[in-house]
Amino acid sequence: FAKERANCEMYMPLSMAELQGKARAMTLGA
């Protein structure tokens, strides 16, 4: 869904296992 704006905006990962790379780093940093 990478190019689908609504899906990107409303995506709620079900666990931290779904977060990799920058997403994981920014979450833990926050």
Full PDB file with SEQRES, HELIX, SHEET, SSBOND, CRYST1, ORIGX, SCALE, CONECT and MASTER records, all heavy atoms in Angstrom:
SEQRES   1 A   30  PHE ALA LYS GLU ARG ALA ASN CYS GLU MET TYR MET PRO          
SEQRES   2 A   30  LEU SER MET ALA GLU LEU GLN GLY LYS ALA ARG ALA MET          
SEQRES   3 A   30  THR LEU GLY ALA                                              
HELIX    1 AA1 ARG A    5  MET A   10  1                                   6    
HELIX    2 AA2 MET A   16  GLU A   18  5                                   3    
HELIX    3 AA3 GLY A   21  GLY A   29  1                                   9    
CRYST1    1.000    1.000    1.000  90.00  90.00  90.00 P 1           1          
ORIGX1      1.000000  0.000000  0.000000        0.00000                         
ORIGX2      0.000000  1.000000  0.000000        0.00000                         
ORIGX3      0.000000  0.000000  1.000000        0.00000                         
SCALE1      1.000000  0.000000  0.000000        0.00000                         
SCALE2      0.000000  1.000000  0.000000        0.00000                         
SCALE3      0.000000  0.000000  1.000000        0.00000                         
ATOM      1  N   PHE A   1       0.819  -1.211   0.000  1.00  0.00           N  
ATOM      2  CA  PHE A   1       0.000   0.000   0.000  1.00  0.00           C  
ATOM      3  C   PHE A   1       0.858   1.268   0.000  1.00  0.00           C  
ATOM      4  O   PHE A   1       0.360   2.363   0.286  1.00  0.00           O  
ATOM      5  CB  PHE A   1      -0.911   0.013   1.231  1.00  0.00           C  
ATOM      6  CG  PHE A   1      -0.196  -0.143   2.546  1.00  0.00           C  
ATOM      7  CD1 PHE A   1       0.356   0.945   3.209  1.00  0.00           C  
ATOM      8  CD2 PHE A   1      -0.055  -1.397   3.126  1.00  0.00           C  
ATOM      9  CE1 PHE A   1       1.027   0.803   4.420  1.00  0.00           C  
ATOM     10  CE2 PHE A   1       0.608  -1.553   4.360  1.00  0.00           C  
ATOM     11  CZ  PHE A   1       1.154  -0.443   4.998  1.00  0.00           C  
ATOM     12  N   ALA A   2       2.137   1.156  -0.330  1.00  0.00           N  
ATOM     13  CA  ALA A   2       3.091   2.259  -0.180  1.00  0.00           C  
ATOM     14  C   ALA A   2       2.646   3.542  -0.878  1.00  0.00           C  
ATOM     15  O   ALA A   2       2.911   4.640  -0.401  1.00  0.00           O  
ATOM     16  CB  ALA A   2       4.460   1.833  -0.697  1.00  0.00           C  
ATOM     17  N   LYS A   3       1.973   3.436  -2.015  1.00  0.00           N  
ATOM     18  CA  LYS A   3       1.589   4.624  -2.778  1.00  0.00           C  
ATOM     19  C   LYS A   3       0.146   5.045  -2.538  1.00  0.00           C  
ATOM     20  O   LYS A   3      -0.376   5.917  -3.232  1.00  0.00           O  
ATOM     21  CB  LYS A   3       1.818   4.370  -4.271  1.00  0.00           C  
ATOM     22  CG  LYS A   3       3.283   4.148  -4.629  1.00  0.00           C  
ATOM     23  CD  LYS A   3       3.470   3.952  -6.126  1.00  0.00           C  
ATOM     24  CE  LYS A   3       4.934   3.763  -6.469  1.00  0.00           C  
ATOM     25  NZ  LYS A   3       5.145   3.559  -7.939  1.00  0.00           N  
ATOM     26  N   GLU A   4      -0.483   4.439  -1.544  1.00  0.00           N  
ATOM     27  CA  GLU A   4      -1.893   4.734  -1.251  1.00  0.00           C  
ATOM     28  C   GLU A   4      -1.960   5.608   0.000  1.00  0.00           C  
ATOM     29  O   GLU A   4      -1.752   5.142   1.113  1.00  0.00           O  
ATOM     30  CB  GLU A   4      -2.663   3.431  -1.060  1.00  0.00           C  
ATOM     31  CG  GLU A   4      -2.604   2.543  -2.284  1.00  0.00           C  
ATOM     32  CD  GLU A   4      -2.943   1.085  -1.985  1.00  0.00           C  
ATOM     33  OE1 GLU A   4      -3.257   0.764  -0.822  1.00  0.00           O  
ATOM     34  OE2 GLU A   4      -2.858   0.263  -2.926  1.00  0.00           O  
ATOM     35  N   ARG A   5      -2.258   6.885  -0.190  1.00  0.00           N  
ATOM     36  CA  ARG A   5      -2.126   7.863   0.886  1.00  0.00           C  
ATOM     37  C   ARG A   5      -2.961   7.505   2.118  1.00  0.00           C  
ATOM     38  O   ARG A   5      -2.459   7.525   3.249  1.00  0.00           O  
ATOM     39  CB  ARG A   5      -2.532   9.244   0.364  1.00  0.00           C  
ATOM     40  CG  ARG A   5      -2.356  10.375   1.367  1.00  0.00           C  
ATOM     41  CD  ARG A   5      -0.892  10.622   1.702  1.00  0.00           C  
ATOM     42  NE  ARG A   5      -0.731  11.642   2.728  1.00  0.00           N  
ATOM     43  CZ  ARG A   5      -0.729  12.944   2.500  1.00  0.00           C  
ATOM     44  NH1 ARG A   5      -0.866  13.381   1.243  1.00  0.00           N  
ATOM     45  NH2 ARG A   5      -0.570  13.806   3.465  1.00  0.00           N  
ATOM     46  N   ALA A   6      -4.232   7.202   1.930  1.00  0.00           N  
ATOM     47  CA  ALA A   6      -5.091   6.915   3.082  1.00  0.00           C  
ATOM     48  C   ALA A   6      -4.588   5.714   3.870  1.00  0.00           C  
ATOM     49  O   ALA A   6      -4.584   5.709   5.107  1.00  0.00           O  
ATOM     50  CB  ALA A   6      -6.530   6.682   2.632  1.00  0.00           C  
ATOM     51  N   ASN A   7      -4.142   4.687   3.165  1.00  0.00           N  
ATOM     52  CA  ASN A   7      -3.660   3.486   3.851  1.00  0.00           C  
ATOM     53  C   ASN A   7      -2.361   3.752   4.608  1.00  0.00           C  
ATOM     54  O   ASN A   7      -2.173   3.257   5.724  1.00  0.00           O  
ATOM     55  CB  ASN A   7      -3.469   2.349   2.844  1.00  0.00           C  
ATOM     56  CG  ASN A   7      -4.792   1.806   2.346  1.00  0.00           C  
ATOM     57  OD1 ASN A   7      -5.788   1.844   3.060  1.00  0.00           O  
ATOM     58  ND2 ASN A   7      -4.819   1.316   1.119  1.00  0.00           N  
ATOM     59  N   CYS A   8      -1.462   4.530   4.013  1.00  0.00           N  
ATOM     60  CA  CYS A   8      -0.229   4.878   4.721  1.00  0.00           C  
ATOM     61  C   CYS A   8      -0.528   5.688   5.979  1.00  0.00           C  
ATOM     62  O   CYS A   8       0.068   5.474   7.031  1.00  0.00           O  
ATOM     63  CB  CYS A   8       0.688   5.681   3.802  1.00  0.00           C  
ATOM     64  SG  CYS A   8       1.506   4.699   2.524  1.00  0.00           S  
ATOM     65  N   GLU A   9      -1.479   6.628   5.864  1.00  0.00           N  
ATOM     66  CA  GLU A   9      -1.789   7.494   7.002  1.00  0.00           C  
ATOM     67  C   GLU A   9      -2.480   6.743   8.135  1.00  0.00           C  
ATOM     68  O   GLU A   9      -2.267   7.043   9.312  1.00  0.00           O  
ATOM     69  CB  GLU A   9      -2.682   8.658   6.539  1.00  0.00           C  
ATOM     70  CG  GLU A   9      -2.020   9.631   5.583  1.00  0.00           C  
ATOM     71  CD  GLU A   9      -1.043  10.566   6.277  1.00  0.00           C  
ATOM     72  OE1 GLU A   9      -0.970  10.545   7.518  1.00  0.00           O  
ATOM     73  OE2 GLU A   9      -0.346  11.316   5.563  1.00  0.00           O  
ATOM     74  N   MET A  10      -3.324   5.765   7.811  1.00  0.00           N  
ATOM     75  CA  MET A  10      -4.137   5.093   8.822  1.00  0.00           C  
ATOM     76  C   MET A  10      -3.558   3.761   9.284  1.00  0.00           C  
ATOM     77  O   MET A  10      -4.166   3.075  10.108  1.00  0.00           O  
ATOM     78  CB  MET A  10      -5.554   4.854   8.289  1.00  0.00           C  
ATOM     79  CG  MET A  10      -6.371   6.114   8.061  1.00  0.00           C  
ATOM     80  SD  MET A  10      -6.778   7.006   9.585  1.00  0.00           S  
ATOM     81  CE  MET A  10      -7.783   5.816  10.454  1.00  0.00           C  
ATOM     82  N   TYR A  11      -2.398   3.392   8.791  1.00  0.00           N  
ATOM     83  CA  TYR A  11      -1.823   2.103   9.170  1.00  0.00           C  
ATOM     84  C   TYR A  11      -1.425   2.096  10.635  1.00  0.00           C  
ATOM     85  O   TYR A  11      -0.685   2.957  11.113  1.00  0.00           O  
ATOM     86  CB  TYR A  11      -0.605   1.797   8.299  1.00  0.00           C  
ATOM     87  CG  TYR A  11       0.092   0.502   8.628  1.00  0.00           C  
ATOM     88  CD1 TYR A  11      -0.626  -0.687   8.715  1.00  0.00           C  
ATOM     89  CD2 TYR A  11       1.458   0.463   8.859  1.00  0.00           C  
ATOM     90  CE1 TYR A  11       0.010  -1.884   9.023  1.00  0.00           C  
ATOM     91  CE2 TYR A  11       2.102  -0.730   9.146  1.00  0.00           C  
ATOM     92  CZ  TYR A  11       1.382  -1.899   9.237  1.00  0.00           C  
ATOM     93  OH  TYR A  11       2.016  -3.076   9.529  1.00  0.00           O  
ATOM     94  N   MET A  12      -1.912   1.103  11.377  1.00  0.00           N  
ATOM     95  CA  MET A  12      -1.532   0.894  12.766  1.00  0.00           C  
ATOM     96  C   MET A  12      -0.815  -0.450  12.859  1.00  0.00           C  
ATOM     97  O   MET A  12      -1.453  -1.502  12.744  1.00  0.00           O  
ATOM     98  CB  MET A  12      -2.759   0.898  13.681  1.00  0.00           C  
ATOM     99  CG  MET A  12      -3.517   2.206  13.705  1.00  0.00           C  
ATOM    100  SD  MET A  12      -4.939   2.180  14.839  1.00  0.00           S  
ATOM    101  CE  MET A  12      -4.093   2.277  16.443  1.00  0.00           C  
ATOM    102  N   PRO A  13       0.501  -0.461  13.039  1.00  0.00           N  
ATOM    103  CA  PRO A  13       1.214  -1.744  13.163  1.00  0.00           C  
ATOM    104  C   PRO A  13       0.655  -2.550  14.326  1.00  0.00           C  
ATOM    105  O   PRO A  13       0.282  -1.999  15.365  1.00  0.00           O  
ATOM    106  CB  PRO A  13       2.655  -1.308  13.432  1.00  0.00           C  
ATOM    107  CG  PRO A  13       2.735   0.085  12.897  1.00  0.00           C  
ATOM    108  CD  PRO A  13       1.397   0.692  13.133  1.00  0.00           C  
ATOM    109  N   LEU A  14       0.593  -3.856  14.151  1.00  0.00           N  
ATOM    110  CA  LEU A  14       0.047  -4.711  15.197  1.00  0.00           C  
ATOM    111  C   LEU A  14       1.069  -5.062  16.275  1.00  0.00           C  
ATOM    112  O   LEU A  14       0.700  -5.495  17.363  1.00  0.00           O  
ATOM    113  CB  LEU A  14      -0.514  -5.995  14.581  1.00  0.00           C  
ATOM    114  CG  LEU A  14      -1.672  -5.818  13.589  1.00  0.00           C  
ATOM    115  CD1 LEU A  14      -2.230  -7.172  13.175  1.00  0.00           C  
ATOM    116  CD2 LEU A  14      -2.769  -4.924  14.153  1.00  0.00           C  
ATOM    117  N   SER A  15       2.348  -4.898  15.953  1.00  0.00           N  
ATOM    118  CA  SER A  15       3.394  -5.147  16.958  1.00  0.00           C  
ATOM    119  C   SER A  15       4.674  -4.462  16.506  1.00  0.00           C  
ATOM    120  O   SER A  15       4.812  -4.073  15.337  1.00  0.00           O  
ATOM    121  CB  SER A  15       3.647  -6.650  17.138  1.00  0.00           C  
ATOM    122  OG  SER A  15       4.335  -7.173  16.012  1.00  0.00           O  
ATOM    123  N   MET A  16       5.632  -4.346  17.416  1.00  0.00           N  
ATOM    124  CA  MET A  16       6.917  -3.739  17.070  1.00  0.00           C  
ATOM    125  C   MET A  16       7.671  -4.568  16.039  1.00  0.00           C  
ATOM    126  O   MET A  16       8.553  -4.057  15.357  1.00  0.00           O  
ATOM    127  CB  MET A  16       7.767  -3.571  18.329  1.00  0.00           C  
ATOM    128  CG  MET A  16       7.338  -2.432  19.229  1.00  0.00           C  
ATOM    129  SD  MET A  16       7.679  -0.789  18.536  1.00  0.00           S  
ATOM    130  CE  MET A  16       9.463  -0.721  18.724  1.00  0.00           C  
ATOM    131  N   ALA A  17       7.315  -5.839  15.920  1.00  0.00           N  
ATOM    132  CA  ALA A  17       7.980  -6.688  14.929  1.00  0.00           C  
ATOM    133  C   ALA A  17       7.741  -6.182  13.513  1.00  0.00           C  
ATOM    134  O   ALA A  17       8.511  -6.492  12.600  1.00  0.00           O  
ATOM    135  CB  ALA A  17       7.483  -8.130  15.060  1.00  0.00           C  
ATOM    136  N   GLU A  18       6.675  -5.409  13.307  1.00  0.00           N  
ATOM    137  CA  GLU A  18       6.375  -4.870  11.989  1.00  0.00           C  
ATOM    138  C   GLU A  18       7.165  -3.606  11.686  1.00  0.00           C  
ATOM    139  O   GLU A  18       7.120  -3.094  10.566  1.00  0.00           O  
ATOM    140  CB  GLU A  18       4.875  -4.576  11.872  1.00  0.00           C  
ATOM    141  CG  GLU A  18       4.005  -5.819  11.965  1.00  0.00           C  
ATOM    142  CD  GLU A  18       2.525  -5.513  11.728  1.00  0.00           C  
ATOM    143  OE1 GLU A  18       2.229  -4.511  11.051  1.00  0.00           O  
ATOM    144  OE2 GLU A  18       1.691  -6.271  12.227  1.00  0.00           O  
ATOM    145  N   LEU A  19       7.878  -3.078  12.680  1.00  0.00           N  
ATOM    146  CA  LEU A  19       8.656  -1.859  12.486  1.00  0.00           C  
ATOM    147  C   LEU A  19      10.119  -2.209  12.261  1.00  0.00           C  
ATOM    148  O   LEU A  19      10.736  -2.866  13.085  1.00  0.00           O  
ATOM    149  CB  LEU A  19       8.532  -0.945  13.705  1.00  0.00           C  
ATOM    150  CG  LEU A  19       7.128  -0.513  14.105  1.00  0.00           C  
ATOM    151  CD1 LEU A  19       7.195   0.452  15.282  1.00  0.00           C  
ATOM    152  CD2 LEU A  19       6.399   0.129  12.938  1.00  0.00           C  
ATOM    153  N   GLN A  20      10.652  -1.742  11.167  1.00  0.00           N  
ATOM    154  CA  GLN A  20      12.045  -2.003  10.843  1.00  0.00           C  
ATOM    155  C   GLN A  20      12.738  -0.689  10.518  1.00  0.00           C  
ATOM    156  O   GLN A  20      12.090   0.319  10.217  1.00  0.00           O  
ATOM    157  CB  GLN A  20      12.151  -2.963   9.649  1.00  0.00           C  
ATOM    158  CG  GLN A  20      11.451  -4.290   9.843  1.00  0.00           C  
ATOM    159  CD  GLN A  20      12.026  -5.112  10.982  1.00  0.00           C  
ATOM    160  OE1 GLN A  20      13.231  -5.068  11.246  1.00  0.00           O  
ATOM    161  NE2 GLN A  20      11.171  -5.854  11.678  1.00  0.00           N  
ATOM    162  N   GLY A  21      14.041  -0.692  10.553  1.00  0.00           N  
ATOM    163  CA  GLY A  21      14.826   0.445  10.108  1.00  0.00           C  
ATOM    164  C   GLY A  21      14.434   1.754  10.761  1.00  0.00           C  
ATOM    165  O   GLY A  21      14.370   1.882  11.984  1.00  0.00           O  
ATOM    166  N   LYS A  22      14.153   2.750   9.912  1.00  0.00           N  
ATOM    167  CA  LYS A  22      13.875   4.099  10.380  1.00  0.00           C  
ATOM    168  C   LYS A  22      12.635   4.154  11.267  1.00  0.00           C  
ATOM    169  O   LYS A  22      12.609   4.884  12.264  1.00  0.00           O  
ATOM    170  CB  LYS A  22      13.699   5.031   9.183  1.00  0.00           C  
ATOM    171  CG  LYS A  22      13.569   6.500   9.541  1.00  0.00           C  
ATOM    172  CD  LYS A  22      13.494   7.363   8.280  1.00  0.00           C  
ATOM    173  CE  LYS A  22      13.423   8.842   8.637  1.00  0.00           C  
ATOM    174  NZ  LYS A  22      13.336   9.695   7.418  1.00  0.00           N  
ATOM    175  N   ALA A  23      11.610   3.379  10.912  1.00  0.00           N  
ATOM    176  CA  ALA A  23      10.379   3.400  11.709  1.00  0.00           C  
ATOM    177  C   ALA A  23      10.654   2.949  13.140  1.00  0.00           C  
ATOM    178  O   ALA A  23      10.163   3.552  14.103  1.00  0.00           O  
ATOM    179  CB  ALA A  23       9.318   2.506  11.068  1.00  0.00           C  
ATOM    180  N   ARG A  24      11.420   1.923  13.293  1.00  0.00           N  
ATOM    181  CA  ARG A  24      11.738   1.409  14.630  1.00  0.00           C  
ATOM    182  C   ARG A  24      12.612   2.407  15.387  1.00  0.00           C  
ATOM    183  O   ARG A  24      12.371   2.687  16.572  1.00  0.00           O  
ATOM    184  CB  ARG A  24      12.452   0.053  14.514  1.00  0.00           C  
ATOM    185  CG  ARG A  24      12.636  -0.644  15.857  1.00  0.00           C  
ATOM    186  CD  ARG A  24      13.274  -2.012  15.671  1.00  0.00           C  
ATOM    187  NE  ARG A  24      13.302  -2.740  16.926  1.00  0.00           N  
ATOM    188  CZ  ARG A  24      12.314  -3.501  17.380  1.00  0.00           C  
ATOM    189  NH1 ARG A  24      11.219  -3.634  16.656  1.00  0.00           N  
ATOM    190  NH2 ARG A  24      12.416  -4.120  18.542  1.00  0.00           N  
ATOM    191  N   ALA A  25      13.615   2.949  14.700  1.00  0.00           N  
ATOM    192  CA  ALA A  25      14.530   3.890  15.351  1.00  0.00           C  
ATOM    193  C   ALA A  25      13.798   5.142  15.812  1.00  0.00           C  
ATOM    194  O   ALA A  25      14.039   5.645  16.918  1.00  0.00           O  
ATOM    195  CB  ALA A  25      15.654   4.263  14.388  1.00  0.00           C  
ATOM    196  N   MET A  26      12.888   5.645  14.994  1.00  0.00           N  
ATOM    197  CA  MET A  26      12.177   6.861  15.356  1.00  0.00           C  
ATOM    198  C   MET A  26      11.174   6.615  16.473  1.00  0.00           C  
ATOM    199  O   MET A  26      10.950   7.478  17.326  1.00  0.00           O  
ATOM    200  CB  MET A  26      11.496   7.458  14.128  1.00  0.00           C  
ATOM    201  CG  MET A  26      12.483   8.010  13.123  1.00  0.00           C  
ATOM    202  SD  MET A  26      11.703   8.815  11.722  1.00  0.00           S  
ATOM    203  CE  MET A  26      10.950  10.220  12.537  1.00  0.00           C  
ATOM    204  N   THR A  27      10.574   5.430  16.488  1.00  0.00           N  
ATOM    205  CA  THR A  27       9.647   5.095  17.570  1.00  0.00           C  
ATOM    206  C   THR A  27      10.376   5.002  18.898  1.00  0.00           C  
ATOM    207  O   THR A  27       9.961   5.592  19.903  1.00  0.00           O  
ATOM    208  CB  THR A  27       8.935   3.767  17.265  1.00  0.00           C  
ATOM    209  OG1 THR A  27       8.149   3.910  16.081  1.00  0.00           O  
ATOM    210  CG2 THR A  27       8.024   3.361  18.407  1.00  0.00           C  
ATOM    211  N   LEU A  28      11.475   4.278  18.923  1.00  0.00           N  
ATOM    212  CA  LEU A  28      12.242   4.136  20.162  1.00  0.00           C  
ATOM    213  C   LEU A  28      12.861   5.469  20.580  1.00  0.00           C  
ATOM    214  O   LEU A  28      12.939   5.788  21.776  1.00  0.00           O  
ATOM    215  CB  LEU A  28      13.329   3.077  19.981  1.00  0.00           C  
ATOM    216  CG  LEU A  28      12.813   1.649  19.721  1.00  0.00           C  
ATOM    217  CD1 LEU A  28      13.977   0.694  19.473  1.00  0.00           C  
ATOM    218  CD2 LEU A  28      11.962   1.158  20.893  1.00  0.00           C  
ATOM    219  N   GLY A  29      13.268   6.270  19.597  1.00  0.00           N  
ATOM    220  CA  GLY A  29      13.816   7.583  19.904  1.00  0.00           C  
ATOM    221  C   GLY A  29      12.787   8.491  20.539  1.00  0.00           C  
ATOM    222  O   GLY A  29      13.082   9.219  21.495  1.00  0.00           O  
ATOM    223  N   ALA A  30      11.558   8.454  20.028  1.00  0.00           N  
ATOM    224  CA  ALA A  30      10.494   9.294  20.579  1.00  0.00           C  
ATOM    225  C   ALA A  30      10.209   8.938  22.032  1.00  0.00           C  
ATOM    226  O   ALA A  30       9.905   9.808  22.853  1.00  0.00           O  
ATOM    227  CB  ALA A  30       9.234   9.147  19.741  1.00  0.00           C  
TER     228      ALA A  30                                                      
MASTER        0    0    0    3    0    0    0    6  227    1    0    3          
END                                                                             
